[in-house]
Amino acid sequence: MSENASLLKGHGETRIHINDAHTRHPLHTHMTSKARLEAFSDGMFSIIITIMVLDLKASGEDWGALVDMLPSIGIYALSFLYVGIYWTNHHSMIHAAVGVNGLVLWANLLLLFMLSLMPFTTRWMGEVFDTVPVAVYGITLTLSGVSYALLNRVLVSLARCETGHVPPGLDSGYKAPASVLLYCAGVGLSFLSPWAGISIYMFIATLWLVPVIFNLKWRF
């Protein structure tokens, strides 16, 4: 008999026990602590926000300089809102997850990498509000949305493999994929008008923010 199998006898029956080390689903890998992933991710979110605010620089010392900065401050506020939305949803998603494995860690790193591009695109769009900077900002949002949806799918698949069901609050439904499609629409519209692209980006942020403020359960 194979070294991965053994005979078990009891109560008049003989059963063959197969060592499941070689028959596990690929997601059944060594689980690590969620606390370390959350701590690392929280640090990255903080760094991203810090870099964005440090990029706000006044060109003078009077009120006029501050007025000139209002477009950059508005774009910073939009980016801050997006990072905050990702942070809160990331926190809820990891809290609901059944565990963390290597695949989850890499998917999480991909999300953080995409979000780390936000300071660059935010500063560029604040300095030059034109078609290409607005489109590149939207591409960053698109890639971040894809990364978030991928991380969510990995966590959902892991939960199904480990427990047979998906914990409440883990599956984001169709909101993340739908947001990605809207981001792409915003990128396309930005070539017609930068304001049209920004309007789409603001609309998507509202879709994620309003249900949280009013404790609504929008799932689409």
N, C-alpha and C. Protein backbone atom coordinates (compact mmCIF):
# COMPACT_ATOMS: atom_id res chain seq x y z
N MET A 1 0.85 -1.20 0.00
CA MET A 1 0.00 0.00 0.00
C MET A 1 0.88 1.24 0.00
N SER A 2 0.42 2.31 -0.66
CA SER A 2 1.21 3.54 -0.76
C SER A 2 1.46 4.11 0.61
N GLU A 3 2.61 4.84 0.72
CA GLU A 3 2.96 5.44 2.01
C GLU A 3 2.00 6.55 2.39
N ASN A 4 1.19 7.02 1.42
CA ASN A 4 0.23 8.08 1.70
C ASN A 4 -1.12 7.51 2.09
N ALA A 5 -1.22 6.19 2.17
CA ALA A 5 -2.48 5.57 2.53
C ALA A 5 -2.25 4.61 3.68
N SER A 6 -3.29 4.39 4.49
CA SER A 6 -3.18 3.46 5.61
C SER A 6 -4.53 2.82 5.84
N LEU A 7 -4.53 1.60 6.43
CA LEU A 7 -5.76 0.89 6.73
C LEU A 7 -6.24 1.24 8.12
N LEU A 8 -7.52 1.53 8.25
CA LEU A 8 -8.12 1.80 9.54
C LEU A 8 -9.19 0.75 9.77
N LYS A 9 -9.08 0.01 10.89
CA LYS A 9 -10.04 -1.04 11.20
C LYS A 9 -10.78 -0.69 12.47
N GLY A 10 -12.05 -0.89 12.47
CA GLY A 10 -12.84 -0.65 13.66
C GLY A 10 -14.29 -0.95 13.42
N HIS A 11 -14.95 -1.52 14.44
CA HIS A 11 -16.37 -1.83 14.38
C HIS A 11 -16.71 -2.70 13.17
N GLY A 12 -15.81 -3.64 12.89
CA GLY A 12 -16.10 -4.62 11.85
C GLY A 12 -15.94 -4.11 10.44
N GLU A 13 -15.36 -2.96 10.24
CA GLU A 13 -15.21 -2.47 8.87
C GLU A 13 -13.77 -2.03 8.65
N THR A 14 -13.39 -2.08 7.42
CA THR A 14 -12.04 -1.66 7.04
C THR A 14 -12.15 -0.45 6.11
N ARG A 15 -11.44 0.59 6.46
CA ARG A 15 -11.47 1.80 5.64
C ARG A 15 -10.05 2.15 5.21
N ILE A 16 -9.96 2.77 4.09
CA ILE A 16 -8.67 3.24 3.60
C ILE A 16 -8.60 4.74 3.82
N HIS A 17 -7.60 5.14 4.60
CA HIS A 17 -7.41 6.56 4.89
C HIS A 17 -6.30 7.09 3.98
N ILE A 18 -6.62 8.07 3.20
CA ILE A 18 -5.66 8.65 2.27
C ILE A 18 -5.14 9.95 2.86
N ASN A 19 -3.84 10.06 2.90
CA ASN A 19 -3.23 11.31 3.34
C ASN A 19 -3.60 12.40 2.36
N ASP A 20 -4.32 13.44 2.86
CA ASP A 20 -4.83 14.47 1.95
C ASP A 20 -3.82 15.54 1.63
N ALA A 21 -2.58 15.33 2.01
CA ALA A 21 -1.57 16.36 1.73
C ALA A 21 -1.38 16.57 0.24
N HIS A 22 -1.63 15.50 -0.57
CA HIS A 22 -1.41 15.62 -2.01
C HIS A 22 -2.72 15.77 -2.77
N THR A 23 -3.87 15.83 -2.05
CA THR A 23 -5.16 15.93 -2.72
C THR A 23 -5.89 17.21 -2.34
N ARG A 24 -5.22 18.11 -1.65
CA ARG A 24 -5.86 19.34 -1.24
C ARG A 24 -6.08 20.28 -2.42
N HIS A 25 -7.09 21.15 -2.26
CA HIS A 25 -7.30 22.22 -3.22
C HIS A 25 -6.12 23.18 -3.13
N PRO A 26 -5.72 23.80 -4.23
CA PRO A 26 -4.57 24.71 -4.20
C PRO A 26 -4.69 25.83 -3.17
N LEU A 27 -5.92 26.23 -2.84
CA LEU A 27 -6.09 27.29 -1.86
C LEU A 27 -5.88 26.80 -0.44
N HIS A 28 -5.88 25.49 -0.23
CA HIS A 28 -5.65 24.93 1.10
C HIS A 28 -4.16 24.94 1.41
N THR A 29 -3.61 26.12 1.59
CA THR A 29 -2.20 26.25 1.92
C THR A 29 -2.05 26.74 3.34
N HIS A 30 -0.82 26.89 3.78
CA HIS A 30 -0.56 27.31 5.15
C HIS A 30 -1.18 28.68 5.43
N MET A 31 -1.96 28.76 6.48
CA MET A 31 -2.64 30.00 6.84
C MET A 31 -1.75 30.83 7.75
N THR A 32 -1.77 32.15 7.54
CA THR A 32 -0.99 33.06 8.37
C THR A 32 -1.93 34.00 9.11
N SER A 33 -1.37 34.82 9.97
CA SER A 33 -2.17 35.72 10.80
C SER A 33 -2.73 36.88 9.99
N LYS A 34 -4.01 37.16 10.21
CA LYS A 34 -4.62 38.32 9.56
C LYS A 34 -4.10 39.62 10.17
N ALA A 35 -3.66 39.57 11.41
CA ALA A 35 -3.23 40.79 12.11
C ALA A 35 -2.02 41.42 11.41
N ARG A 36 -1.09 40.61 10.96
CA ARG A 36 0.11 41.15 10.30
C ARG A 36 -0.26 41.79 8.97
N LEU A 37 -1.16 41.15 8.22
CA LEU A 37 -1.59 41.73 6.95
C LEU A 37 -2.29 43.06 7.18
N GLU A 38 -3.17 43.11 8.19
CA GLU A 38 -3.88 44.35 8.49
C GLU A 38 -2.93 45.45 8.93
N ALA A 39 -1.96 45.11 9.76
CA ALA A 39 -1.02 46.12 10.26
C ALA A 39 -0.17 46.68 9.11
N PHE A 40 0.33 45.80 8.24
CA PHE A 40 1.12 46.26 7.11
C PHE A 40 0.28 47.12 6.17
N SER A 41 -0.94 46.68 5.90
CA SER A 41 -1.82 47.42 4.99
C SER A 41 -2.18 48.78 5.57
N ASP A 42 -2.50 48.83 6.86
CA ASP A 42 -2.83 50.11 7.50
C ASP A 42 -1.66 51.09 7.41
N GLY A 43 -0.44 50.57 7.57
CA GLY A 43 0.73 51.42 7.44
C GLY A 43 0.86 51.98 6.04
N MET A 44 0.60 51.15 5.04
CA MET A 44 0.69 51.60 3.65
C MET A 44 -0.38 52.64 3.34
N PHE A 45 -1.59 52.44 3.82
CA PHE A 45 -2.65 53.43 3.61
C PHE A 45 -2.24 54.77 4.22
N SER A 46 -1.68 54.73 5.40
CA SER A 46 -1.24 55.97 6.07
C SER A 46 -0.15 56.67 5.28
N ILE A 47 0.81 55.90 4.77
CA ILE A 47 1.90 56.48 3.98
C ILE A 47 1.37 57.13 2.71
N ILE A 48 0.44 56.47 2.04
CA ILE A 48 -0.13 57.01 0.80
C ILE A 48 -0.79 58.36 1.06
N ILE A 49 -1.58 58.45 2.13
CA ILE A 49 -2.25 59.70 2.45
C ILE A 49 -1.24 60.78 2.82
N THR A 50 -0.22 60.39 3.57
CA THR A 50 0.81 61.36 3.99
C THR A 50 1.54 61.94 2.78
N ILE A 51 1.91 61.08 1.83
CA ILE A 51 2.60 61.56 0.64
C ILE A 51 1.72 62.53 -0.14
N MET A 52 0.43 62.22 -0.24
CA MET A 52 -0.47 63.08 -1.00
C MET A 52 -0.56 64.47 -0.39
N VAL A 53 -0.67 64.55 0.94
CA VAL A 53 -0.80 65.86 1.57
C VAL A 53 0.51 66.64 1.53
N LEU A 54 1.63 65.94 1.53
CA LEU A 54 2.92 66.61 1.44
C LEU A 54 3.15 67.20 0.05
N ASP A 55 2.43 66.71 -0.94
CA ASP A 55 2.55 67.25 -2.29
C ASP A 55 1.81 68.56 -2.46
N LEU A 56 1.00 68.95 -1.47
CA LEU A 56 0.29 70.24 -1.54
C LEU A 56 1.25 71.34 -1.11
N LYS A 57 1.61 72.18 -2.04
CA LYS A 57 2.58 73.24 -1.76
C LYS A 57 2.04 74.57 -2.27
N ALA A 58 2.01 75.57 -1.39
CA ALA A 58 1.53 76.90 -1.77
C ALA A 58 2.61 77.64 -2.54
N SER A 59 2.17 78.47 -3.48
CA SER A 59 3.12 79.22 -4.31
C SER A 59 3.40 80.61 -3.73
N GLY A 60 2.74 80.96 -2.62
CA GLY A 60 2.95 82.28 -2.02
C GLY A 60 2.53 82.27 -0.57
N GLU A 61 2.45 83.47 0.01
CA GLU A 61 2.13 83.59 1.43
C GLU A 61 0.83 84.35 1.68
N ASP A 62 0.08 84.65 0.64
CA ASP A 62 -1.17 85.40 0.83
C ASP A 62 -2.37 84.52 0.51
N TRP A 63 -3.57 85.10 0.68
CA TRP A 63 -4.79 84.35 0.43
C TRP A 63 -4.92 83.96 -1.03
N GLY A 64 -4.36 84.77 -1.91
CA GLY A 64 -4.43 84.45 -3.33
C GLY A 64 -3.74 83.14 -3.66
N ALA A 65 -2.63 82.87 -2.97
CA ALA A 65 -1.93 81.60 -3.19
C ALA A 65 -2.80 80.43 -2.78
N LEU A 66 -3.56 80.63 -1.70
CA LEU A 66 -4.44 79.56 -1.24
C LEU A 66 -5.59 79.34 -2.23
N VAL A 67 -6.11 80.45 -2.76
CA VAL A 67 -7.17 80.33 -3.77
C VAL A 67 -6.67 79.58 -5.00
N ASP A 68 -5.44 79.87 -5.39
CA ASP A 68 -4.85 79.17 -6.55
C ASP A 68 -4.71 77.68 -6.30
N MET A 69 -4.62 77.31 -5.03
CA MET A 69 -4.45 75.89 -4.69
C MET A 69 -5.77 75.13 -4.60
N LEU A 70 -6.89 75.82 -4.66
CA LEU A 70 -8.19 75.16 -4.46
C LEU A 70 -8.42 73.98 -5.40
N PRO A 71 -8.07 74.07 -6.70
CA PRO A 71 -8.24 72.88 -7.54
C PRO A 71 -7.41 71.69 -7.06
N SER A 72 -6.16 71.96 -6.65
CA SER A 72 -5.31 70.87 -6.15
C SER A 72 -5.87 70.30 -4.85
N ILE A 73 -6.41 71.18 -3.99
CA ILE A 73 -7.00 70.70 -2.74
C ILE A 73 -8.23 69.85 -3.01
N GLY A 74 -9.03 70.26 -4.00
CA GLY A 74 -10.21 69.47 -4.36
C GLY A 74 -9.85 68.09 -4.87
N ILE A 75 -8.83 68.02 -5.71
CA ILE A 75 -8.38 66.72 -6.23
C ILE A 75 -7.78 65.88 -5.11
N TYR A 76 -7.04 66.53 -4.20
CA TYR A 76 -6.51 65.80 -3.05
C TYR A 76 -7.65 65.23 -2.21
N ALA A 77 -8.72 66.02 -2.02
CA ALA A 77 -9.86 65.56 -1.23
C ALA A 77 -10.51 64.34 -1.88
N LEU A 78 -10.62 64.36 -3.23
CA LEU A 78 -11.19 63.21 -3.93
C LEU A 78 -10.31 61.97 -3.74
N SER A 79 -9.00 62.15 -3.86
CA SER A 79 -8.09 61.01 -3.69
C SER A 79 -8.10 60.52 -2.24
N PHE A 80 -8.14 61.45 -1.28
CA PHE A 80 -8.23 61.07 0.13
C PHE A 80 -9.49 60.25 0.37
N LEU A 81 -10.60 60.68 -0.26
CA LEU A 81 -11.86 59.96 -0.12
C LEU A 81 -11.73 58.54 -0.67
N TYR A 82 -11.09 58.41 -1.82
CA TYR A 82 -10.92 57.08 -2.42
C TYR A 82 -10.05 56.18 -1.54
N VAL A 83 -8.94 56.72 -1.05
CA VAL A 83 -8.08 55.92 -0.18
C VAL A 83 -8.84 55.51 1.08
N GLY A 84 -9.64 56.44 1.61
CA GLY A 84 -10.45 56.12 2.79
C GLY A 84 -11.47 55.04 2.51
N ILE A 85 -12.10 55.09 1.34
CA ILE A 85 -13.07 54.06 0.96
C ILE A 85 -12.40 52.70 0.85
N TYR A 86 -11.24 52.68 0.21
CA TYR A 86 -10.51 51.41 0.09
C TYR A 86 -10.08 50.90 1.47
N TRP A 87 -9.64 51.82 2.34
CA TRP A 87 -9.19 51.40 3.66
C TRP A 87 -10.32 50.80 4.48
N THR A 88 -11.49 51.46 4.51
CA THR A 88 -12.61 50.95 5.31
C THR A 88 -13.13 49.63 4.76
N ASN A 89 -13.24 49.52 3.44
CA ASN A 89 -13.72 48.27 2.86
C ASN A 89 -12.69 47.15 3.00
N HIS A 90 -11.42 47.51 2.91
CA HIS A 90 -10.35 46.53 3.12
C HIS A 90 -10.40 46.00 4.55
N HIS A 91 -10.59 46.90 5.51
CA HIS A 91 -10.68 46.50 6.91
C HIS A 91 -11.85 45.54 7.13
N SER A 92 -13.02 45.88 6.58
CA SER A 92 -14.19 45.02 6.76
C SER A 92 -14.01 43.67 6.07
N MET A 93 -13.39 43.69 4.90
CA MET A 93 -13.19 42.46 4.15
C MET A 93 -12.23 41.51 4.86
N ILE A 94 -11.11 42.03 5.35
CA ILE A 94 -10.15 41.19 6.05
C ILE A 94 -10.72 40.69 7.37
N HIS A 95 -11.51 41.53 8.03
CA HIS A 95 -12.14 41.12 9.29
C HIS A 95 -13.09 39.94 9.07
N ALA A 96 -13.78 39.94 7.93
CA ALA A 96 -14.73 38.87 7.64
C ALA A 96 -14.06 37.63 7.07
N ALA A 97 -12.82 37.75 6.62
CA ALA A 97 -12.12 36.61 6.00
C ALA A 97 -11.88 35.51 7.02
N VAL A 98 -11.86 34.28 6.53
CA VAL A 98 -11.63 33.13 7.42
C VAL A 98 -10.16 32.93 7.70
N GLY A 99 -9.30 33.52 6.89
CA GLY A 99 -7.87 33.38 7.09
C GLY A 99 -7.10 34.03 5.96
N VAL A 100 -5.79 33.92 6.03
CA VAL A 100 -4.91 34.52 5.04
C VAL A 100 -3.85 33.49 4.64
N ASN A 101 -3.66 33.32 3.34
CA ASN A 101 -2.59 32.45 2.86
C ASN A 101 -1.69 33.23 1.91
N GLY A 102 -0.75 32.54 1.28
CA GLY A 102 0.20 33.21 0.42
C GLY A 102 -0.44 33.93 -0.75
N LEU A 103 -1.47 33.31 -1.34
CA LEU A 103 -2.14 33.93 -2.48
C LEU A 103 -2.83 35.22 -2.06
N VAL A 104 -3.42 35.22 -0.88
CA VAL A 104 -4.06 36.43 -0.36
C VAL A 104 -3.02 37.54 -0.15
N LEU A 105 -1.86 37.17 0.39
CA LEU A 105 -0.81 38.15 0.63
C LEU A 105 -0.38 38.83 -0.67
N TRP A 106 -0.20 38.04 -1.73
CA TRP A 106 0.23 38.62 -3.00
C TRP A 106 -0.87 39.46 -3.64
N ALA A 107 -2.11 39.01 -3.53
CA ALA A 107 -3.23 39.81 -4.05
C ALA A 107 -3.35 41.13 -3.29
N ASN A 108 -3.08 41.07 -1.99
CA ASN A 108 -3.13 42.28 -1.19
C ASN A 108 -1.99 43.24 -1.56
N LEU A 109 -0.81 42.69 -1.82
CA LEU A 109 0.31 43.52 -2.25
C LEU A 109 0.03 44.18 -3.60
N LEU A 110 -0.63 43.47 -4.49
CA LEU A 110 -1.00 44.06 -5.78
C LEU A 110 -1.92 45.25 -5.58
N LEU A 111 -2.91 45.12 -4.70
CA LEU A 111 -3.81 46.23 -4.40
C LEU A 111 -3.05 47.42 -3.84
N LEU A 112 -2.15 47.18 -2.89
CA LEU A 112 -1.39 48.26 -2.28
C LEU A 112 -0.47 48.93 -3.30
N PHE A 113 0.09 48.15 -4.22
CA PHE A 113 0.94 48.74 -5.25
C PHE A 113 0.14 49.70 -6.13
N MET A 114 -1.03 49.28 -6.55
CA MET A 114 -1.86 50.14 -7.39
C MET A 114 -2.26 51.41 -6.65
N LEU A 115 -2.61 51.27 -5.39
CA LEU A 115 -3.00 52.45 -4.61
C LEU A 115 -1.81 53.37 -4.35
N SER A 116 -0.61 52.81 -4.31
CA SER A 116 0.57 53.64 -4.07
C SER A 116 0.85 54.59 -5.23
N LEU A 117 0.21 54.36 -6.38
CA LEU A 117 0.36 55.26 -7.52
C LEU A 117 -0.53 56.49 -7.39
N MET A 118 -1.45 56.47 -6.43
CA MET A 118 -2.39 57.59 -6.27
C MET A 118 -1.70 58.92 -6.01
N PRO A 119 -0.68 59.01 -5.15
CA PRO A 119 -0.03 60.31 -4.94
C PRO A 119 0.52 60.92 -6.23
N PHE A 120 1.13 60.09 -7.07
CA PHE A 120 1.69 60.60 -8.33
C PHE A 120 0.61 61.14 -9.25
N THR A 121 -0.45 60.34 -9.48
CA THR A 121 -1.50 60.78 -10.39
C THR A 121 -2.29 61.94 -9.82
N THR A 122 -2.42 61.98 -8.49
CA THR A 122 -3.13 63.11 -7.84
C THR A 122 -2.36 64.41 -8.05
N ARG A 123 -1.05 64.37 -7.82
CA ARG A 123 -0.24 65.58 -8.00
C ARG A 123 -0.24 66.03 -9.45
N TRP A 124 -0.10 65.08 -10.38
CA TRP A 124 -0.06 65.43 -11.80
C TRP A 124 -1.37 66.09 -12.23
N MET A 125 -2.49 65.50 -11.82
CA MET A 125 -3.78 66.07 -12.22
C MET A 125 -4.01 67.41 -11.55
N GLY A 126 -3.48 67.59 -10.33
CA GLY A 126 -3.62 68.86 -9.65
C GLY A 126 -2.81 69.97 -10.32
N GLU A 127 -1.66 69.60 -10.86
CA GLU A 127 -0.80 70.58 -11.53
C GLU A 127 -1.25 70.86 -12.96
N VAL A 128 -1.71 69.82 -13.66
CA VAL A 128 -2.13 69.97 -15.06
C VAL A 128 -3.48 69.27 -15.22
N PHE A 129 -4.54 70.05 -15.13
CA PHE A 129 -5.88 69.46 -15.28
C PHE A 129 -6.21 69.39 -16.76
N ASP A 130 -5.81 68.28 -17.37
CA ASP A 130 -6.01 68.11 -18.80
C ASP A 130 -6.36 66.65 -19.08
N THR A 131 -6.54 66.36 -20.34
CA THR A 131 -7.04 65.04 -20.75
C THR A 131 -6.17 63.89 -20.25
N VAL A 132 -4.89 63.93 -20.55
CA VAL A 132 -4.02 62.80 -20.22
C VAL A 132 -3.89 62.59 -18.71
N PRO A 133 -3.62 63.64 -17.90
CA PRO A 133 -3.55 63.40 -16.46
C PRO A 133 -4.85 62.85 -15.86
N VAL A 134 -5.99 63.34 -16.34
CA VAL A 134 -7.27 62.83 -15.83
C VAL A 134 -7.47 61.39 -16.27
N ALA A 135 -7.08 61.05 -17.49
CA ALA A 135 -7.21 59.67 -17.97
C ALA A 135 -6.30 58.73 -17.18
N VAL A 136 -5.06 59.17 -16.93
CA VAL A 136 -4.12 58.34 -16.17
C VAL A 136 -4.61 58.16 -14.74
N TYR A 137 -5.19 59.19 -14.16
CA TYR A 137 -5.80 59.07 -12.83
C TYR A 137 -6.89 58.00 -12.85
N GLY A 138 -7.71 58.03 -13.90
CA GLY A 138 -8.76 57.01 -14.02
C GLY A 138 -8.20 55.61 -14.23
N ILE A 139 -7.10 55.51 -14.97
CA ILE A 139 -6.47 54.20 -15.16
C ILE A 139 -5.97 53.65 -13.83
N THR A 140 -5.41 54.54 -13.00
CA THR A 140 -4.98 54.12 -11.66
C THR A 140 -6.15 53.62 -10.84
N LEU A 141 -7.27 54.33 -10.90
CA LEU A 141 -8.47 53.89 -10.19
C LEU A 141 -8.97 52.55 -10.74
N THR A 142 -8.88 52.39 -12.07
CA THR A 142 -9.32 51.13 -12.69
C THR A 142 -8.48 49.96 -12.21
N LEU A 143 -7.16 50.13 -12.23
CA LEU A 143 -6.27 49.05 -11.80
C LEU A 143 -6.45 48.75 -10.30
N SER A 144 -6.69 49.79 -9.51
CA SER A 144 -6.96 49.58 -8.08
C SER A 144 -8.26 48.81 -7.89
N GLY A 145 -9.28 49.15 -8.69
CA GLY A 145 -10.55 48.43 -8.60
C GLY A 145 -10.42 46.98 -9.00
N VAL A 146 -9.65 46.72 -10.06
CA VAL A 146 -9.42 45.33 -10.49
C VAL A 146 -8.69 44.56 -9.39
N SER A 147 -7.70 45.19 -8.78
CA SER A 147 -6.92 44.54 -7.72
C SER A 147 -7.79 44.24 -6.51
N TYR A 148 -8.67 45.19 -6.15
CA TYR A 148 -9.57 44.97 -5.02
C TYR A 148 -10.53 43.81 -5.32
N ALA A 149 -11.09 43.80 -6.53
CA ALA A 149 -12.00 42.72 -6.91
C ALA A 149 -11.29 41.37 -6.89
N LEU A 150 -10.03 41.35 -7.34
CA LEU A 150 -9.25 40.11 -7.33
C LEU A 150 -9.01 39.64 -5.89
N LEU A 151 -8.62 40.54 -5.01
CA LEU A 151 -8.42 40.18 -3.61
C LEU A 151 -9.70 39.64 -2.99
N ASN A 152 -10.81 40.28 -3.32
CA ASN A 152 -12.10 39.82 -2.79
C ASN A 152 -12.43 38.41 -3.29
N ARG A 153 -12.18 38.14 -4.57
CA ARG A 153 -12.46 36.81 -5.12
C ARG A 153 -11.59 35.75 -4.48
N VAL A 154 -10.33 36.08 -4.23
CA VAL A 154 -9.42 35.12 -3.60
C VAL A 154 -9.90 34.79 -2.19
N LEU A 155 -10.31 35.81 -1.44
CA LEU A 155 -10.79 35.59 -0.07
C LEU A 155 -12.09 34.80 -0.06
N VAL A 156 -12.97 35.08 -1.01
CA VAL A 156 -14.24 34.34 -1.10
C VAL A 156 -13.96 32.87 -1.44
N SER A 157 -13.07 32.62 -2.40
CA SER A 157 -12.73 31.24 -2.77
C SER A 157 -12.08 30.50 -1.60
N LEU A 158 -11.22 31.19 -0.85
CA LEU A 158 -10.57 30.58 0.30
C LEU A 158 -11.60 30.21 1.36
N ALA A 159 -12.57 31.08 1.58
CA ALA A 159 -13.61 30.81 2.57
C ALA A 159 -14.44 29.60 2.17
N ARG A 160 -14.77 29.50 0.89
CA ARG A 160 -15.55 28.35 0.42
C ARG A 160 -14.77 27.04 0.55
N CYS A 161 -13.48 27.11 0.30
CA CYS A 161 -12.65 25.90 0.40
C CYS A 161 -12.48 25.46 1.85
N GLU A 162 -12.36 26.44 2.75
CA GLU A 162 -12.09 26.11 4.16
C GLU A 162 -13.35 25.77 4.94
N THR A 163 -14.44 26.47 4.67
CA THR A 163 -15.65 26.30 5.49
C THR A 163 -16.87 25.85 4.71
N GLY A 164 -16.82 25.96 3.40
CA GLY A 164 -17.97 25.56 2.60
C GLY A 164 -19.00 26.66 2.41
N HIS A 165 -18.77 27.81 3.01
CA HIS A 165 -19.70 28.93 2.83
C HIS A 165 -18.93 30.25 2.90
N VAL A 166 -19.60 31.32 2.52
CA VAL A 166 -18.99 32.65 2.52
C VAL A 166 -19.53 33.44 3.71
N PRO A 167 -18.66 33.92 4.61
CA PRO A 167 -19.12 34.68 5.77
C PRO A 167 -19.83 35.96 5.33
N PRO A 168 -20.82 36.41 6.12
CA PRO A 168 -21.51 37.66 5.80
C PRO A 168 -20.53 38.83 5.76
N GLY A 169 -20.70 39.69 4.78
CA GLY A 169 -19.86 40.87 4.66
C GLY A 169 -18.58 40.66 3.89
N LEU A 170 -18.29 39.44 3.46
CA LEU A 170 -17.05 39.19 2.74
C LEU A 170 -17.20 39.43 1.25
N ASP A 171 -18.28 38.92 0.68
CA ASP A 171 -18.48 39.04 -0.77
C ASP A 171 -19.00 40.44 -1.09
N SER A 172 -18.28 41.17 -1.92
CA SER A 172 -18.69 42.53 -2.30
C SER A 172 -19.72 42.53 -3.41
N GLY A 173 -20.11 41.36 -3.89
CA GLY A 173 -21.11 41.29 -4.94
C GLY A 173 -20.59 41.83 -6.26
N TYR A 174 -21.46 42.55 -6.95
CA TYR A 174 -21.09 43.08 -8.27
C TYR A 174 -20.63 44.54 -8.20
N LYS A 175 -20.55 45.10 -6.99
CA LYS A 175 -20.19 46.51 -6.88
C LYS A 175 -18.78 46.77 -7.39
N ALA A 176 -17.82 45.93 -7.00
CA ALA A 176 -16.44 46.13 -7.43
C ALA A 176 -16.29 45.98 -8.94
N PRO A 177 -16.79 44.89 -9.57
CA PRO A 177 -16.68 44.80 -11.03
C PRO A 177 -17.42 45.92 -11.76
N ALA A 178 -18.59 46.31 -11.22
CA ALA A 178 -19.34 47.40 -11.85
C ALA A 178 -18.56 48.71 -11.77
N SER A 179 -17.87 48.92 -10.66
CA SER A 179 -17.06 50.13 -10.52
C SER A 179 -15.94 50.17 -11.54
N VAL A 180 -15.34 49.01 -11.80
CA VAL A 180 -14.26 48.94 -12.78
C VAL A 180 -14.77 49.36 -14.16
N LEU A 181 -15.95 48.90 -14.53
CA LEU A 181 -16.53 49.28 -15.82
C LEU A 181 -16.79 50.78 -15.87
N LEU A 182 -17.26 51.34 -14.77
CA LEU A 182 -17.51 52.79 -14.72
C LEU A 182 -16.21 53.58 -14.79
N TYR A 183 -15.17 53.05 -14.14
CA TYR A 183 -13.85 53.70 -14.25
C TYR A 183 -13.41 53.77 -15.70
N CYS A 184 -13.57 52.67 -16.41
CA CYS A 184 -13.19 52.63 -17.82
C CYS A 184 -13.99 53.65 -18.63
N ALA A 185 -15.27 53.77 -18.29
CA ALA A 185 -16.10 54.78 -18.96
C ALA A 185 -15.58 56.18 -18.66
N GLY A 186 -15.15 56.41 -17.42
CA GLY A 186 -14.60 57.71 -17.06
C GLY A 186 -13.32 58.02 -17.81
N VAL A 187 -12.48 57.00 -17.99
CA VAL A 187 -11.24 57.19 -18.74
C VAL A 187 -11.56 57.59 -20.18
N GLY A 188 -12.53 56.89 -20.77
CA GLY A 188 -12.91 57.21 -22.14
C GLY A 188 -13.49 58.61 -22.27
N LEU A 189 -14.36 59.00 -21.32
CA LEU A 189 -14.98 60.32 -21.36
C LEU A 189 -13.99 61.44 -21.12
N SER A 190 -12.91 61.14 -20.40
CA SER A 190 -11.91 62.18 -20.13
C SER A 190 -11.24 62.67 -21.40
N PHE A 191 -11.26 61.86 -22.45
CA PHE A 191 -10.69 62.30 -23.72
C PHE A 191 -11.64 63.26 -24.45
N LEU A 192 -12.91 63.22 -24.07
CA LEU A 192 -13.86 64.20 -24.60
C LEU A 192 -13.86 65.47 -23.76
N SER A 193 -13.83 65.27 -22.42
CA SER A 193 -13.79 66.40 -21.50
C SER A 193 -13.24 65.92 -20.16
N PRO A 194 -12.18 66.57 -19.65
CA PRO A 194 -11.65 66.17 -18.34
C PRO A 194 -12.70 66.23 -17.23
N TRP A 195 -13.59 67.21 -17.32
CA TRP A 195 -14.63 67.33 -16.31
C TRP A 195 -15.61 66.15 -16.35
N ALA A 196 -15.85 65.61 -17.54
CA ALA A 196 -16.72 64.44 -17.65
C ALA A 196 -16.09 63.24 -16.95
N GLY A 197 -14.77 63.08 -17.13
CA GLY A 197 -14.09 61.98 -16.46
C GLY A 197 -14.13 62.12 -14.95
N ILE A 198 -13.85 63.35 -14.47
CA ILE A 198 -13.87 63.59 -13.02
C ILE A 198 -15.26 63.35 -12.46
N SER A 199 -16.28 63.73 -13.21
CA SER A 199 -17.66 63.53 -12.75
C SER A 199 -17.96 62.05 -12.53
N ILE A 200 -17.48 61.21 -13.43
CA ILE A 200 -17.68 59.76 -13.28
C ILE A 200 -16.94 59.25 -12.05
N TYR A 201 -15.72 59.71 -11.84
CA TYR A 201 -14.95 59.26 -10.68
C TYR A 201 -15.64 59.67 -9.38
N MET A 202 -16.19 60.88 -9.34
CA MET A 202 -16.91 61.34 -8.15
C MET A 202 -18.19 60.53 -7.95
N PHE A 203 -18.86 60.18 -9.03
CA PHE A 203 -20.09 59.39 -8.94
C PHE A 203 -19.80 58.01 -8.36
N ILE A 204 -18.71 57.39 -8.79
CA ILE A 204 -18.37 56.06 -8.28
C ILE A 204 -18.05 56.13 -6.79
N ALA A 205 -17.32 57.18 -6.38
CA ALA A 205 -17.02 57.34 -4.95
C ALA A 205 -18.30 57.46 -4.15
N THR A 206 -19.29 58.14 -4.71
CA THR A 206 -20.59 58.30 -4.03
C THR A 206 -21.28 56.95 -3.86
N LEU A 207 -21.18 56.10 -4.87
CA LEU A 207 -21.80 54.77 -4.80
C LEU A 207 -21.27 53.96 -3.63
N TRP A 208 -19.99 54.15 -3.30
CA TRP A 208 -19.39 53.42 -2.19
C TRP A 208 -19.60 54.13 -0.85
N LEU A 209 -19.70 55.46 -0.88
CA LEU A 209 -19.73 56.22 0.36
C LEU A 209 -21.12 56.35 0.95
N VAL A 210 -22.12 56.64 0.12
CA VAL A 210 -23.47 56.91 0.62
C VAL A 210 -24.05 55.74 1.42
N PRO A 211 -23.94 54.47 0.95
CA PRO A 211 -24.48 53.38 1.76
C PRO A 211 -23.87 53.30 3.15
N VAL A 212 -22.59 53.66 3.28
CA VAL A 212 -21.93 53.62 4.59
C VAL A 212 -22.48 54.71 5.50
N ILE A 213 -22.66 55.92 4.97
CA ILE A 213 -23.14 57.04 5.78
C ILE A 213 -24.55 56.79 6.28
N PHE A 214 -25.40 56.28 5.39
CA PHE A 214 -26.80 56.11 5.76
C PHE A 214 -27.13 54.65 6.14
N ASN A 215 -26.11 53.85 6.33
CA ASN A 215 -26.27 52.46 6.77
C ASN A 215 -27.21 51.69 5.83
N LEU A 216 -27.01 51.91 4.53
CA LEU A 216 -27.81 51.20 3.53
C LEU A 216 -27.05 49.96 3.09
N LYS A 217 -27.79 49.01 2.56
CA LYS A 217 -27.18 47.77 2.07
C LYS A 217 -27.45 47.66 0.57
N TRP A 218 -26.68 48.43 -0.19
CA TRP A 218 -26.78 48.36 -1.64
C TRP A 218 -25.90 47.25 -2.16
N ARG A 219 -26.50 46.31 -2.85
CA ARG A 219 -25.74 45.24 -3.47
C ARG A 219 -26.22 45.11 -4.91
N PHE A 220 -25.36 45.40 -5.85
CA PHE A 220 -25.74 45.32 -7.25
C PHE A 220 -24.62 44.66 -8.04
